[in-house]
Every structure is written in structure tokens, then in C-alpha cells.
Amino acid sequence: MEPYILKTEPRNISHTETGSLAHCPRCSSVGYAGDKFCACCGAAMPLLCPHCRTVIRQRIALYCPHCGLGLERKE
């Protein structure tokens, strides 16, 4: 089995460009907090409150159960 080879040169990503990161609950790979699914295994990514970083267990939630922040729904 051949190792994965990048076709393009990797670029340096600044801290401000990365935004909030989240870990996949299934495979522990790192993705962005706004991702709906893991790019590595396809599992649903956790939704995090942008204010207090609490995991929102229900994707249809309108408010954070910890701090009460109103959540934007991006469809």
C-alpha cells in the first residue's frame, strides 16, 4: 500500500485562519467546529457553543443549555 502523497504544496495556516477546532467523537481526528461531519470517517461532528464551548447534543437546539446563548442555524 502506497502512502498518501499530497499533490500540492502544504500552506502555512495562521492561528486566526483556523478558527475553532473540534475533535471527532468516533476517530478523534481534528476538524473545524462548524463542520457537520468528520472528513476522515463521516461521523457527525459535535456542535459547540461559540461562547462557552459546551457540546450541544441536539442539532436542532436554538439556545445553549449551559450559557443560554442564542444559536444560529446554518443549513
N, C-alpha and C. Protein backbone atom coordinates (compact mmCIF):
# COMPACT_ATOMS: atom_id res chain seq x y z
N MET A 1 0.84 -1.18 0.00
CA MET A 1 0.00 0.00 0.00
C MET A 1 0.89 1.24 0.00
N GLU A 2 0.66 2.13 -0.94
CA GLU A 2 1.46 3.35 -1.04
C GLU A 2 0.96 4.40 -0.05
N PRO A 3 1.88 5.18 0.52
CA PRO A 3 1.45 6.26 1.41
C PRO A 3 0.77 7.36 0.61
N TYR A 4 -0.09 8.10 1.28
CA TYR A 4 -0.79 9.21 0.65
C TYR A 4 0.21 10.31 0.32
N ILE A 5 0.18 10.81 -0.91
CA ILE A 5 1.10 11.86 -1.35
C ILE A 5 0.29 13.10 -1.71
N LEU A 6 0.68 14.23 -1.14
CA LEU A 6 0.00 15.49 -1.45
C LEU A 6 0.34 15.92 -2.87
N LYS A 7 -0.67 16.32 -3.62
CA LYS A 7 -0.46 16.79 -4.98
C LYS A 7 -0.04 18.26 -5.01
N THR A 8 -0.35 18.99 -3.96
CA THR A 8 0.01 20.41 -3.89
C THR A 8 0.88 20.64 -2.67
N GLU A 9 1.56 21.73 -2.67
CA GLU A 9 2.39 22.09 -1.53
C GLU A 9 1.51 22.49 -0.35
N PRO A 10 1.81 22.00 0.85
CA PRO A 10 1.04 22.45 2.01
C PRO A 10 1.30 23.92 2.27
N ARG A 11 0.30 24.61 2.79
CA ARG A 11 0.47 26.03 3.07
C ARG A 11 0.43 26.24 4.56
N ASN A 12 1.11 27.28 5.00
CA ASN A 12 1.09 27.63 6.42
C ASN A 12 -0.23 28.29 6.74
N ILE A 13 -0.88 27.84 7.79
CA ILE A 13 -2.17 28.39 8.19
C ILE A 13 -1.98 29.17 9.48
N SER A 14 -2.40 30.42 9.46
CA SER A 14 -2.25 31.24 10.66
C SER A 14 -3.29 30.85 11.70
N HIS A 15 -3.04 31.21 12.94
CA HIS A 15 -3.95 30.88 14.04
C HIS A 15 -5.32 31.51 13.83
N THR A 16 -5.36 32.72 13.30
CA THR A 16 -6.65 33.40 13.09
C THR A 16 -7.43 32.75 11.96
N GLU A 17 -6.76 32.08 11.04
CA GLU A 17 -7.43 31.44 9.91
C GLU A 17 -8.04 30.10 10.31
N THR A 18 -7.52 29.46 11.35
CA THR A 18 -8.01 28.15 11.72
C THR A 18 -9.34 28.19 12.43
N GLY A 19 -9.63 29.25 13.17
CA GLY A 19 -10.89 29.32 13.90
C GLY A 19 -10.94 28.30 15.02
N SER A 20 -12.13 27.88 15.38
CA SER A 20 -12.30 26.91 16.47
C SER A 20 -12.18 25.49 15.92
N LEU A 21 -11.49 24.66 16.64
CA LEU A 21 -11.30 23.28 16.22
C LEU A 21 -12.14 22.36 17.08
N ALA A 22 -12.51 21.21 16.53
CA ALA A 22 -13.29 20.21 17.25
C ALA A 22 -12.72 18.83 16.93
N HIS A 23 -12.86 17.90 17.86
CA HIS A 23 -12.39 16.53 17.67
C HIS A 23 -13.57 15.64 17.35
N CYS A 24 -13.36 14.73 16.40
CA CYS A 24 -14.39 13.77 16.03
C CYS A 24 -14.63 12.81 17.19
N PRO A 25 -15.90 12.54 17.55
CA PRO A 25 -16.18 11.63 18.66
C PRO A 25 -15.87 10.17 18.31
N ARG A 26 -15.79 9.83 17.02
CA ARG A 26 -15.54 8.45 16.62
C ARG A 26 -14.05 8.16 16.43
N CYS A 27 -13.36 8.97 15.61
CA CYS A 27 -11.97 8.65 15.26
C CYS A 27 -10.95 9.63 15.86
N SER A 28 -11.41 10.66 16.56
CA SER A 28 -10.55 11.64 17.24
C SER A 28 -9.75 12.54 16.31
N SER A 29 -10.05 12.54 15.01
CA SER A 29 -9.35 13.46 14.12
C SER A 29 -9.84 14.89 14.38
N VAL A 30 -9.06 15.86 13.97
CA VAL A 30 -9.38 17.25 14.22
C VAL A 30 -10.06 17.86 13.01
N GLY A 31 -11.13 18.60 13.25
CA GLY A 31 -11.84 19.33 12.21
C GLY A 31 -12.25 20.69 12.74
N TYR A 32 -12.92 21.46 11.93
CA TYR A 32 -13.39 22.77 12.36
C TYR A 32 -14.69 22.63 13.13
N ALA A 33 -14.93 23.51 14.08
CA ALA A 33 -16.11 23.44 14.93
C ALA A 33 -17.40 23.55 14.13
N GLY A 34 -17.40 24.19 12.99
CA GLY A 34 -18.61 24.34 12.19
C GLY A 34 -18.90 23.17 11.27
N ASP A 35 -17.98 22.22 11.17
CA ASP A 35 -18.20 21.06 10.29
C ASP A 35 -19.34 20.21 10.81
N LYS A 36 -20.18 19.72 9.91
CA LYS A 36 -21.27 18.84 10.33
C LYS A 36 -20.82 17.39 10.42
N PHE A 37 -19.86 17.00 9.56
CA PHE A 37 -19.40 15.62 9.53
C PHE A 37 -17.87 15.57 9.50
N CYS A 38 -17.32 14.50 10.03
CA CYS A 38 -15.88 14.29 10.04
C CYS A 38 -15.41 13.97 8.62
N ALA A 39 -14.34 14.62 8.19
CA ALA A 39 -13.79 14.38 6.86
C ALA A 39 -13.07 13.05 6.77
N CYS A 40 -12.69 12.46 7.90
CA CYS A 40 -11.95 11.19 7.88
C CYS A 40 -12.86 9.96 7.95
N CYS A 41 -13.89 10.00 8.80
CA CYS A 41 -14.72 8.80 8.98
C CYS A 41 -16.20 9.01 8.69
N GLY A 42 -16.62 10.26 8.50
CA GLY A 42 -18.02 10.54 8.16
C GLY A 42 -18.97 10.65 9.35
N ALA A 43 -18.46 10.54 10.57
CA ALA A 43 -19.33 10.65 11.75
C ALA A 43 -19.79 12.09 11.93
N ALA A 44 -20.95 12.26 12.57
CA ALA A 44 -21.45 13.59 12.86
C ALA A 44 -20.54 14.27 13.87
N MET A 45 -20.12 15.50 13.57
CA MET A 45 -19.25 16.26 14.47
C MET A 45 -20.10 16.94 15.54
N PRO A 46 -19.55 17.12 16.74
CA PRO A 46 -20.32 17.79 17.79
C PRO A 46 -20.50 19.28 17.48
N LEU A 47 -21.62 19.80 17.88
CA LEU A 47 -21.89 21.23 17.74
C LEU A 47 -21.44 21.89 19.04
N LEU A 48 -20.61 22.93 18.95
CA LEU A 48 -20.09 23.60 20.14
C LEU A 48 -20.65 25.01 20.24
N CYS A 49 -20.98 25.41 21.46
CA CYS A 49 -21.42 26.78 21.70
C CYS A 49 -20.23 27.71 21.45
N PRO A 50 -20.40 28.74 20.62
CA PRO A 50 -19.28 29.63 20.33
C PRO A 50 -18.85 30.48 21.53
N HIS A 51 -19.72 30.59 22.53
CA HIS A 51 -19.39 31.41 23.71
C HIS A 51 -18.69 30.61 24.80
N CYS A 52 -19.30 29.49 25.23
CA CYS A 52 -18.77 28.75 26.37
C CYS A 52 -18.13 27.41 25.99
N ARG A 53 -18.19 27.03 24.70
CA ARG A 53 -17.58 25.80 24.17
C ARG A 53 -18.22 24.53 24.71
N THR A 54 -19.44 24.61 25.23
CA THR A 54 -20.17 23.43 25.68
C THR A 54 -20.67 22.66 24.45
N VAL A 55 -20.62 21.33 24.52
CA VAL A 55 -21.14 20.50 23.44
C VAL A 55 -22.66 20.57 23.45
N ILE A 56 -23.25 20.93 22.32
CA ILE A 56 -24.71 20.97 22.17
C ILE A 56 -25.12 19.61 21.61
N ARG A 57 -25.84 18.83 22.37
CA ARG A 57 -26.16 17.46 21.98
C ARG A 57 -27.28 17.37 20.95
N GLN A 58 -28.14 18.36 20.89
CA GLN A 58 -29.24 18.35 19.92
C GLN A 58 -28.96 19.38 18.84
N ARG A 59 -28.86 18.93 17.60
CA ARG A 59 -28.54 19.83 16.49
C ARG A 59 -29.66 20.83 16.21
N ILE A 60 -30.85 20.58 16.72
CA ILE A 60 -31.97 21.49 16.48
C ILE A 60 -32.12 22.52 17.59
N ALA A 61 -31.20 22.51 18.56
CA ALA A 61 -31.27 23.44 19.70
C ALA A 61 -31.18 24.89 19.23
N LEU A 62 -31.99 25.75 19.82
CA LEU A 62 -31.98 27.17 19.50
C LEU A 62 -31.15 27.97 20.49
N TYR A 63 -30.88 27.40 21.67
CA TYR A 63 -30.12 28.07 22.71
C TYR A 63 -29.16 27.08 23.36
N CYS A 64 -28.03 27.59 23.83
CA CYS A 64 -27.07 26.77 24.55
C CYS A 64 -27.66 26.40 25.91
N PRO A 65 -27.64 25.12 26.30
CA PRO A 65 -28.20 24.73 27.59
C PRO A 65 -27.34 25.16 28.78
N HIS A 66 -26.11 25.57 28.52
CA HIS A 66 -25.22 25.98 29.61
C HIS A 66 -25.24 27.48 29.86
N CYS A 67 -25.09 28.29 28.79
CA CYS A 67 -24.99 29.75 28.98
C CYS A 67 -26.20 30.51 28.43
N GLY A 68 -27.08 29.83 27.67
CA GLY A 68 -28.28 30.47 27.17
C GLY A 68 -28.10 31.29 25.90
N LEU A 69 -26.92 31.25 25.30
CA LEU A 69 -26.68 32.00 24.07
C LEU A 69 -27.57 31.49 22.95
N GLY A 70 -28.18 32.40 22.20
CA GLY A 70 -28.96 32.02 21.04
C GLY A 70 -28.04 31.50 19.95
N LEU A 71 -28.38 30.36 19.38
CA LEU A 71 -27.53 29.71 18.37
C LEU A 71 -28.07 29.97 16.98
N GLU A 72 -27.18 30.31 16.06
CA GLU A 72 -27.56 30.49 14.66
C GLU A 72 -27.67 29.11 14.01
N ARG A 73 -28.68 28.93 13.21
CA ARG A 73 -28.83 27.67 12.48
C ARG A 73 -28.35 27.87 11.07
N LYS A 74 -27.31 27.14 10.69
CA LYS A 74 -26.77 27.23 9.32
C LYS A 74 -27.18 25.97 8.58
N GLU A 75 -27.94 26.12 7.56
CA GLU A 75 -28.41 24.97 6.78
C GLU A 75 -27.75 24.93 5.44
